[in-house]
Protein backbone atom coordinates (compact mmCIF):
# COMPACT_ATOMS: atom_id res chain seq x y z
CA MET A 1 -0.05 21.40 -30.78
CA ARG A 2 -1.70 18.11 -29.98
CA LYS A 3 -1.28 16.59 -26.52
CA LYS A 4 0.15 13.12 -26.31
CA GLN A 5 -2.37 10.73 -24.80
CA ASN A 6 -1.20 8.15 -22.32
CA LYS A 7 -2.73 4.90 -23.54
CA THR A 8 -2.24 1.66 -21.70
CA SER A 9 -2.84 -1.45 -23.73
CA ALA A 10 -5.38 -4.02 -22.67
CA LYS A 11 -2.59 -6.59 -22.37
CA LYS A 12 -0.64 -4.35 -19.95
CA LEU A 13 -3.76 -3.69 -17.86
CA ALA A 14 -4.49 -7.42 -17.70
CA THR A 15 -0.89 -8.13 -16.69
CA ASN A 16 -1.05 -5.54 -13.92
CA GLN A 17 -4.34 -6.93 -12.62
CA ARG A 18 -3.00 -10.50 -12.66
CA TYR A 19 0.03 -9.37 -10.62
CA ILE A 20 -2.22 -7.66 -8.06
CA ASP A 21 -4.47 -10.72 -7.82
CA GLU A 22 -1.57 -13.18 -7.39
CA LYS A 23 0.95 -11.21 -5.34
CA THR A 24 -0.94 -8.89 -3.01
CA ASP A 25 -3.52 -8.98 -0.22
CA LYS A 26 -6.08 -6.23 0.23
CA ILE A 27 -6.68 -5.14 3.81
CA GLN A 28 -9.36 -2.65 4.79
CA ALA A 29 -9.92 -1.29 8.28
CA ASN A 30 -12.47 1.07 9.76
CA LEU A 31 -10.70 3.00 12.50
CA PRO A 32 -11.71 5.91 14.71
CA ARG A 33 -11.38 9.36 13.20
CA GLY A 34 -7.87 10.74 13.33
CA TYR A 35 -6.00 7.53 12.56
CA ALA A 36 -5.67 8.38 8.87
CA ASP A 37 -3.94 11.64 9.83
CA LYS A 38 -1.66 9.78 12.24
CA LEU A 39 -0.73 7.30 9.52
CA ASN A 40 -0.02 10.12 7.06
CA LYS A 41 2.21 11.91 9.57
CA ILE A 42 4.17 8.75 10.36
CA ALA A 43 4.68 8.01 6.66
CA GLU A 44 5.79 11.57 5.91
CA SER A 45 8.25 11.68 8.81
CA ALA A 46 9.67 8.27 7.86
CA GLY A 47 9.84 9.17 4.18
CA THR A 48 7.90 6.06 3.16
CA SER A 49 4.46 5.14 1.90
CA LYS A 50 1.50 4.48 4.15
CA ALA A 51 1.55 0.86 3.00
CA GLN A 52 5.19 0.53 4.08
CA VAL A 53 4.40 2.00 7.51
CA LEU A 54 1.62 -0.56 7.98
CA LYS A 55 3.84 -3.43 6.78
CA ASN A 56 6.56 -2.37 9.24
CA CYS A 57 4.07 -2.20 12.13
CA ILE A 58 2.63 -5.62 11.30
CA ASP A 59 6.11 -7.16 10.97
CA THR A 60 7.21 -5.65 14.29
CA ALA A 61 4.11 -6.91 16.12
CA TYR A 62 4.32 -10.34 14.49
CA ASN A 63 7.98 -10.75 15.38
CA ALA A 64 7.34 -9.69 18.98
CA LEU A 65 4.52 -12.19 19.36
CA PHE A 66 5.62 -15.22 17.34
CA ASP A 67 9.37 -15.17 16.82
CA GLU A 68 11.41 -16.74 19.58
């Protein structure tokens, strides 16, 4: 039996890349060892992604500092 190959068309790949370029920001941070594990544990306990945990933390800090 032949395995079905998952092929993504060039148009779909280009569409995905255009969405990423237009709608997202890439943030990279070099943190002390252990912070990746902390982030993983927080995400697992909250049942969300690591990206969602970071977004929530940034929103909370931003609102505390800049919202009146």
